[in-house]
PDB file of N, CA and C in Angstrom:
ATOM      1  N   UNK A   1      28.568  38.606  91.371  1.00  0.00           N
ATOM      2  CA  UNK A   1      29.209  39.698  90.894  1.00  0.00           C
ATOM      3  C   UNK A   1      29.800  39.145  89.267  1.00  0.00           C
ATOM      4  N   UNK A   2      30.197  37.541  89.250  1.00  0.00           N
ATOM      5  CA  UNK A   2      30.332  37.672  88.117  1.00  0.00           C
ATOM      6  C   UNK A   2      29.292  37.633  87.009  1.00  0.00           C
ATOM      7  N   UNK A   3      28.423  37.443  87.103  1.00  0.00           N
ATOM      8  CA  UNK A   3      26.814  37.981  86.559  1.00  0.00           C
ATOM      9  C   UNK A   3      26.826  38.672  86.061  1.00  0.00           C
ATOM     10  N   UNK A   4      27.026  39.914  87.103  1.00  0.00           N
ATOM     11  CA  UNK A   4      26.636  41.513  86.726  1.00  0.00           C
ATOM     12  C   UNK A   4      27.523  41.640  85.342  1.00  0.00           C
ATOM     13  N   UNK A   5      28.958  41.271  85.395  1.00  0.00           N
ATOM     14  CA  UNK A   5      30.153  41.709  84.602  1.00  0.00           C
ATOM     15  C   UNK A   5      29.588  40.764  82.987  1.00  0.00           C
ATOM     16  N   UNK A   6      29.229  39.423  83.318  1.00  0.00           N
ATOM     17  CA  UNK A   6      29.044  38.698  81.753  1.00  0.00           C
ATOM     18  C   UNK A   6      27.473  39.592  81.639  1.00  0.00           C
ATOM     19  N   UNK A   7      26.315  39.875  82.322  1.00  0.00           N
ATOM     20  CA  UNK A   7      25.047  40.932  81.361  1.00  0.00           C
ATOM     21  C   UNK A   7      25.931  42.313  80.974  1.00  0.00           C
ATOM     22  N   UNK A   8      26.356  43.082  82.036  1.00  0.00           N
ATOM     23  CA  UNK A   8      26.828  43.998  80.654  1.00  0.00           C
ATOM     24  C   UNK A   8      27.915  44.529  79.605  1.00  0.00           C
ATOM     25  N   UNK A   9      28.967  42.764  79.606  1.00  0.00           N
ATOM     26  CA  UNK A   9      29.230  43.009  78.755  1.00  0.00           C
ATOM     27  C   UNK A   9      28.252  42.209  77.369  1.00  0.00           C
ATOM     28  N   UNK A  10      27.212  41.409  77.686  1.00  0.00           N
ATOM     29  CA  UNK A  10      25.978  41.298  76.949  1.00  0.00           C
ATOM     30  C   UNK A  10      25.819  42.150  76.761  1.00  0.00           C
ATOM     31  N   UNK A  11      25.060  43.523  77.114  1.00  0.00           N
ATOM     32  CA  UNK A  11      24.996  44.405  76.611  1.00  0.00           C
ATOM     33  C   UNK A  11      25.263  45.899  76.049  1.00  0.00           C
ATOM     34  N   UNK A  12      26.763  45.659  76.349  1.00  0.00           N
ATOM     35  CA  UNK A  12      28.132  46.480  75.149  1.00  0.00           C
ATOM     36  C   UNK A  12      27.790  45.309  74.232  1.00  0.00           C
ATOM     37  N   UNK A  13      28.104  44.262  74.182  1.00  0.00           N
ATOM     38  CA  UNK A  13      27.914  43.791  72.293  1.00  0.00           C
ATOM     39  C   UNK A  13      26.552  44.048  72.350  1.00  0.00           C
ATOM     40  N   UNK A  14      24.884  44.328  72.405  1.00  0.00           N
ATOM     41  CA  UNK A  14      23.868  44.907  71.717  1.00  0.00           C
ATOM     42  C   UNK A  14      23.998  46.483  71.642  1.00  0.00           C
ATOM     43  N   UNK A  15      24.633  47.041  72.128  1.00  0.00           N
ATOM     44  CA  UNK A  15      24.908  48.306  71.834  1.00  0.00           C
ATOM     45  C   UNK A  15      25.978  48.650  70.657  1.00  0.00           C
ATOM     46  N   UNK A  16      26.743  47.517  71.260  1.00  0.00           N
ATOM     47  CA  UNK A  16      28.388  47.754  69.348  1.00  0.00           C
ATOM     48  C   UNK A  16      27.701  47.242  68.294  1.00  0.00           C
ATOM     49  N   UNK A  17      26.295  46.230  68.427  1.00  0.00           N
ATOM     50  CA  UNK A  17      25.577  45.594  67.131  1.00  0.00           C
ATOM     51  C   UNK A  17      24.228  46.959  66.888  1.00  0.00           C
ATOM     52  N   UNK A  18      23.868  47.399  67.499  1.00  0.00           N
ATOM     53  CA  UNK A  18      22.831  48.674  67.538  1.00  0.00           C
ATOM     54  C   UNK A  18      23.680  49.895  66.542  1.00  0.00           C
ATOM     55  N   UNK A  19      24.675  50.249  67.159  1.00  0.00           N
ATOM     56  CA  UNK A  19      26.091  51.238  66.852  1.00  0.00           C
ATOM     57  C   UNK A  19      26.327  50.675  65.232  1.00  0.00           C
ATOM     58  N   UNK A  20      26.751  49.912  65.642  1.00  0.00           N
ATOM     59  CA  UNK A  20      26.844  49.405  63.790  1.00  0.00           C
ATOM     60  C   UNK A  20      25.283  48.992  62.657  1.00  0.00           C
ATOM     61  N   UNK A  21      24.270  48.942  63.311  1.00  0.00           N
ATOM     62  CA  UNK A  21      23.478  48.994  62.682  1.00  0.00           C
ATOM     63  C   UNK A  21      22.814  50.499  61.738  1.00  0.00           C
ATOM     64  N   UNK A  22      23.262  51.123  63.084  1.00  0.00           N
ATOM     65  CA  UNK A  22      23.017  52.866  62.545  1.00  0.00           C
ATOM     66  C   UNK A  22      24.022  53.538  62.101  1.00  0.00           C
ATOM     67  N   UNK A  23      24.814  52.711  61.689  1.00  0.00           N
ATOM     68  CA  UNK A  23      26.358  53.508  60.672  1.00  0.00           C
ATOM     69  C   UNK A  23      26.343  53.087  59.432  1.00  0.00           C
ATOM     70  N   UNK A  24      25.392  52.017  59.724  1.00  0.00           N
ATOM     71  CA  UNK A  24      25.544  51.531  58.192  1.00  0.00           C
ATOM     72  C   UNK A  24      24.227  51.946  57.437  1.00  0.00           C
ATOM     73  N   UNK A  25      23.186  52.451  58.052  1.00  0.00           N
ATOM     74  CA  UNK A  25      22.272  53.288  57.824  1.00  0.00           C
ATOM     75  C   UNK A  25      22.247  54.419  57.155  1.00  0.00           C
ATOM     76  N   UNK A  26      22.986  54.965  58.635  1.00  0.00           N
ATOM     77  CA  UNK A  26      23.200  57.147  58.467  1.00  0.00           C
ATOM     78  C   UNK A  26      24.778  57.337  57.482  1.00  0.00           C
ATOM     79  N   UNK A  27      25.378  56.644  57.138  1.00  0.00           N
ATOM     80  CA  UNK A  27      26.232  56.648  56.735  1.00  0.00           C
ATOM     81  C   UNK A  27      26.557  56.370  55.383  1.00  0.00           C
ATOM     82  N   UNK A  28      25.705  55.051  55.231  1.00  0.00           N
ATOM     83  CA  UNK A  28      25.012  54.613  53.796  1.00  0.00           C
ATOM     84  C   UNK A  28      26.846  53.284  53.572  1.00  0.00           C
ATOM     85  N   UNK A  29      27.801  53.164  53.903  1.00  0.00           N
ATOM     86  CA  UNK A  29      28.738  52.616  54.190  1.00  0.00           C
ATOM     87  C   UNK A  29      30.291  53.528  53.462  1.00  0.00           C
ATOM     88  N   UNK A  30      29.922  54.559  53.686  1.00  0.00           N
ATOM     89  CA  UNK A  30      30.956  55.594  53.246  1.00  0.00           C
ATOM     90  C   UNK A  30      32.149  56.132  54.628  1.00  0.00           C
ATOM     91  N   UNK A  31      31.835  55.757  55.554  1.00  0.00           N
ATOM     92  CA  UNK A  31      32.875  55.532  56.627  1.00  0.00           C
ATOM     93  C   UNK A  31      33.544  54.734  57.348  1.00  0.00           C
ATOM     94  N   UNK A  32      34.240  54.488  58.137  1.00  0.00           N
ATOM     95  CA  UNK A  32      34.061  53.025  58.766  1.00  0.00           C
ATOM     96  C   UNK A  32      34.243  53.036  60.278  1.00  0.00           C
ATOM     97  N   UNK A  33      33.295  53.700  60.521  1.00  0.00           N
ATOM     98  CA  UNK A  33      32.224  53.787  62.027  1.00  0.00           C
ATOM     99  C   UNK A  33      31.932  52.334  61.876  1.00  0.00           C
ATOM    100  N   UNK A  34      31.314  51.659  61.250  1.00  0.00           N
ATOM    101  CA  UNK A  34      29.918  50.776  61.369  1.00  0.00           C
ATOM    102  C   UNK A  34      31.433  49.590  61.956  1.00  0.00           C
ATOM    103  N   UNK A  35      32.344  49.032  60.569  1.00  0.00           N
ATOM    104  CA  UNK A  35      33.254  48.644  60.806  1.00  0.00           C
ATOM    105  C   UNK A  35      33.989  48.652  61.759  1.00  0.00           C
ATOM    106  N   UNK A  36      34.349  50.182  62.610  1.00  0.00           N
ATOM    107  CA  UNK A  36      34.301  49.841  64.077  1.00  0.00           C
ATOM    108  C   UNK A  36      34.016  49.303  64.776  1.00  0.00           C
ATOM    109  N   UNK A  37      32.554  50.025  64.798  1.00  0.00           N
ATOM    110  CA  UNK A  37      31.894  49.072  65.967  1.00  0.00           C
ATOM    111  C   UNK A  37      31.715  47.378  66.104  1.00  0.00           C
ATOM    112  N   UNK A  38      30.834  46.990  64.448  1.00  0.00           N
ATOM    113  CA  UNK A  38      31.713  45.392  64.633  1.00  0.00           C
ATOM    114  C   UNK A  38      33.056  44.688  65.160  1.00  0.00           C
ATOM    115  N   UNK A  39      34.107  45.528  64.819  1.00  0.00           N
ATOM    116  CA  UNK A  39      35.157  44.786  65.330  1.00  0.00           C
ATOM    117  C   UNK A  39      35.269  44.635  66.958  1.00  0.00           C
ATOM    118  N   UNK A  40      34.641  45.619  67.520  1.00  0.00           N
ATOM    119  CA  UNK A  40      34.393  46.180  69.031  1.00  0.00           C
ATOM    120  C   UNK A  40      33.374  45.260  69.520  1.00  0.00           C
ATOM    121  N   UNK A  41      32.255  44.462  68.357  1.00  0.00           N
ATOM    122  CA  UNK A  41      31.442  43.628  69.048  1.00  0.00           C
ATOM    123  C   UNK A  41      32.120  42.562  69.387  1.00  0.00           C
ATOM    124  N   UNK A  42      32.802  42.263  67.546  1.00  0.00           N
ATOM    125  CA  UNK A  42      33.687  40.753  67.818  1.00  0.00           C
ATOM    126  C   UNK A  42      35.121  41.101  69.366  1.00  0.00           C
ATOM    127  N   UNK A  43      35.231  41.884  69.553  1.00  0.00           N
ATOM    128  CA  UNK A  43      35.937  41.776  70.642  1.00  0.00           C
ATOM    129  C   UNK A  43      35.845  41.670  71.930  1.00  0.00           C
ATOM    130  N   UNK A  44      34.526  42.165  72.314  1.00  0.00           N
ATOM    131  CA  UNK A  44      33.646  41.987  73.532  1.00  0.00           C
ATOM    132  C   UNK A  44      32.872  40.443  73.338  1.00  0.00           C
ATOM    133  N   UNK A  45      33.050  39.699  72.037  1.00  0.00           N
ATOM    134  CA  UNK A  45      32.664  38.792  72.153  1.00  0.00           C
ATOM    135  C   UNK A  45      33.331  37.315  72.983  1.00  0.00           C
ATOM    136  N   UNK A  46      34.456  37.578  72.152  1.00  0.00           N
ATOM    137  CA  UNK A  46      35.911  36.834  72.250  1.00  0.00           C
ATOM    138  C   UNK A  46      36.018  37.029  74.036  1.00  0.00           C
ATOM    139  N   UNK A  47      35.940  38.361  74.435  1.00  0.00           N
ATOM    140  CA  UNK A  47      36.361  38.309  76.094  1.00  0.00           C
ATOM    141  C   UNK A  47      34.724  37.866  76.639  1.00  0.00           C
ATOM    142  N   UNK A  48      33.697  38.113  76.298  1.00  0.00           N
ATOM    143  CA  UNK A  48      32.849  37.168  76.958  1.00  0.00           C
ATOM    144  C   UNK A  48      33.109  35.710  77.057  1.00  0.00           C
ATOM    145  N   UNK A  49      33.356  35.698  76.188  1.00  0.00           N
ATOM    146  CA  UNK A  49      33.377  33.503  76.102  1.00  0.00           C
ATOM    147  C   UNK A  49      35.063  33.226  77.031  1.00  0.00           C
ATOM    148  N   UNK A  50      35.602  34.572  77.272  1.00  0.00           N
ATOM    149  CA  UNK A  50      36.620  34.026  77.823  1.00  0.00           C
ATOM    150  C   UNK A  50      36.794  34.184  79.199  1.00  0.00           C
ATOM    151  N   UNK A  51      35.935  35.181  79.592  1.00  0.00           N
ATOM    152  CA  UNK A  51      34.656  35.447  81.094  1.00  0.00           C
ATOM    153  C   UNK A  51      34.645  34.155  81.597  1.00  0.00           C
ATOM    154  N   UNK A  52      33.911  33.781  80.878  1.00  0.00           N
ATOM    155  CA  UNK A  52      32.999  32.795  80.757  1.00  0.00           C
ATOM    156  C   UNK A  52      33.750  31.730  81.216  1.00  0.00           C
ATOM    157  N   UNK A  53      34.691  31.371  79.987  1.00  0.00           N
ATOM    158  CA  UNK A  53      35.145  29.705  80.585  1.00  0.00           C
ATOM    159  C   UNK A  53      36.448  30.143  81.947  1.00  0.00           C
ATOM    160  N   UNK A  54      36.855  31.147  81.923  1.00  0.00           N
ATOM    161  CA  UNK A  54      37.768  31.483  83.413  1.00  0.00           C
ATOM    162  C   UNK A  54      36.490  31.216  84.733  1.00  0.00           C
ATOM    163  N   UNK A  55      35.446  31.802  84.471  1.00  0.00           N
ATOM    164  CA  UNK A  55      34.481  32.260  84.932  1.00  0.00           C
ATOM    165  C   UNK A  55      33.923  30.621  85.787  1.00  0.00           C
ATOM    166  N   UNK A  56      33.788  29.911  84.762  1.00  0.00           N
ATOM    167  CA  UNK A  56      33.581  29.062  85.185  1.00  0.00           C
ATOM    168  C   UNK A  56      34.683  27.536  85.630  1.00  0.00           C
ATOM    169  N   UNK A  57      36.007  27.557  84.873  1.00  0.00           N
ATOM    170  CA  UNK A  57      36.894  27.129  85.595  1.00  0.00           C
ATOM    171  C   UNK A  57      37.435  27.174  86.932  1.00  0.00           C
ATOM    172  N   UNK A  58      37.484  28.426  86.923  1.00  0.00           N
ATOM    173  CA  UNK A  58      37.488  28.935  89.014  1.00  0.00           C
ATOM    174  C   UNK A  58      35.942  28.102  89.872  1.00  0.00           C
ATOM    175  N   UNK A  59      34.916  28.009  89.298  1.00  0.00           N
ATOM    176  CA  UNK A  59      34.238  27.772  90.023  1.00  0.00           C
ATOM    177  C   UNK A  59      33.211  29.022  90.329  1.00  0.00           C
ATOM    178  N   UNK A  60      33.241  30.040  90.051  1.00  0.00           N
ATOM    179  CA  UNK A  60      32.182  31.140  90.268  1.00  0.00           C
ATOM    180  C   UNK A  60      31.431  30.522  90.056  1.00  0.00           C
ATOM    181  N   UNK A  61      31.115  30.199  88.136  1.00  0.00           N
ATOM    182  CA  UNK A  61      29.890  29.575  87.944  1.00  0.00           C
ATOM    183  C   UNK A  61      29.423  28.190  87.544  1.00  0.00           C
ATOM    184  N   UNK A  62      28.449  27.669  87.493  1.00  0.00           N
ATOM    185  CA  UNK A  62      28.349  26.228  87.056  1.00  0.00           C
ATOM    186  C   UNK A  62      27.150  25.589  85.748  1.00  0.00           C
ATOM    187  N   UNK A  63      28.141  24.849  85.221  1.00  0.00           N
ATOM    188  CA  UNK A  63      27.137  24.747  83.961  1.00  0.00           C
ATOM    189  C   UNK A  63      25.343  24.563  84.859  1.00  0.00           C
ATOM    190  N   UNK A  64      24.387  24.025  84.192  1.00  0.00           N
ATOM    191  CA  UNK A  64      23.081  22.772  84.992  1.00  0.00           C
ATOM    192  C   UNK A  64      22.539  22.380  83.921  1.00  0.00           C
ATOM    193  N   UNK A  65      22.055  21.566  84.318  1.00  0.00           N
ATOM    194  CA  UNK A  65      21.549  20.386  82.921  1.00  0.00           C
ATOM    195  C   UNK A  65      20.363  21.069  82.430  1.00  0.00           C
ATOM    196  N   UNK A  66      19.482  20.267  81.374  1.00  0.00           N
ATOM    197  CA  UNK A  66      18.265  20.806  81.762  1.00  0.00           C
ATOM    198  C   UNK A  66      16.875  19.909  81.807  1.00  0.00           C
ATOM    199  N   UNK A  67      17.288  19.183  82.501  1.00  0.00           N
ATOM    200  CA  UNK A  67      16.635  18.363  83.377  1.00  0.00           C
ATOM    201  C   UNK A  67      15.923  18.500  84.688  1.00  0.00           C
ATOM    202  N   UNK A  68      16.495  19.107  84.862  1.00  0.00           N
ATOM    203  CA  UNK A  68      16.982  19.426  86.505  1.00  0.00           C
ATOM    204  C   UNK A  68      15.642  20.590  87.247  1.00  0.00           C
TER     205      UNK A  68
END
């Protein structure tokens, strides 16, 4: 369940980044829609970091080594 939530947040981050790019090209920097999209992306990134940290501390996910 937690992995699905992580994937959904990652997809939302990429969608927000794409939205910011679209508004940059479409509006030519004349509106605040690009800034709002990028602000949302930053908030989602912080949310993802907190989610990963809480899931790791509660034992829902575990880091693994590369050499396994």
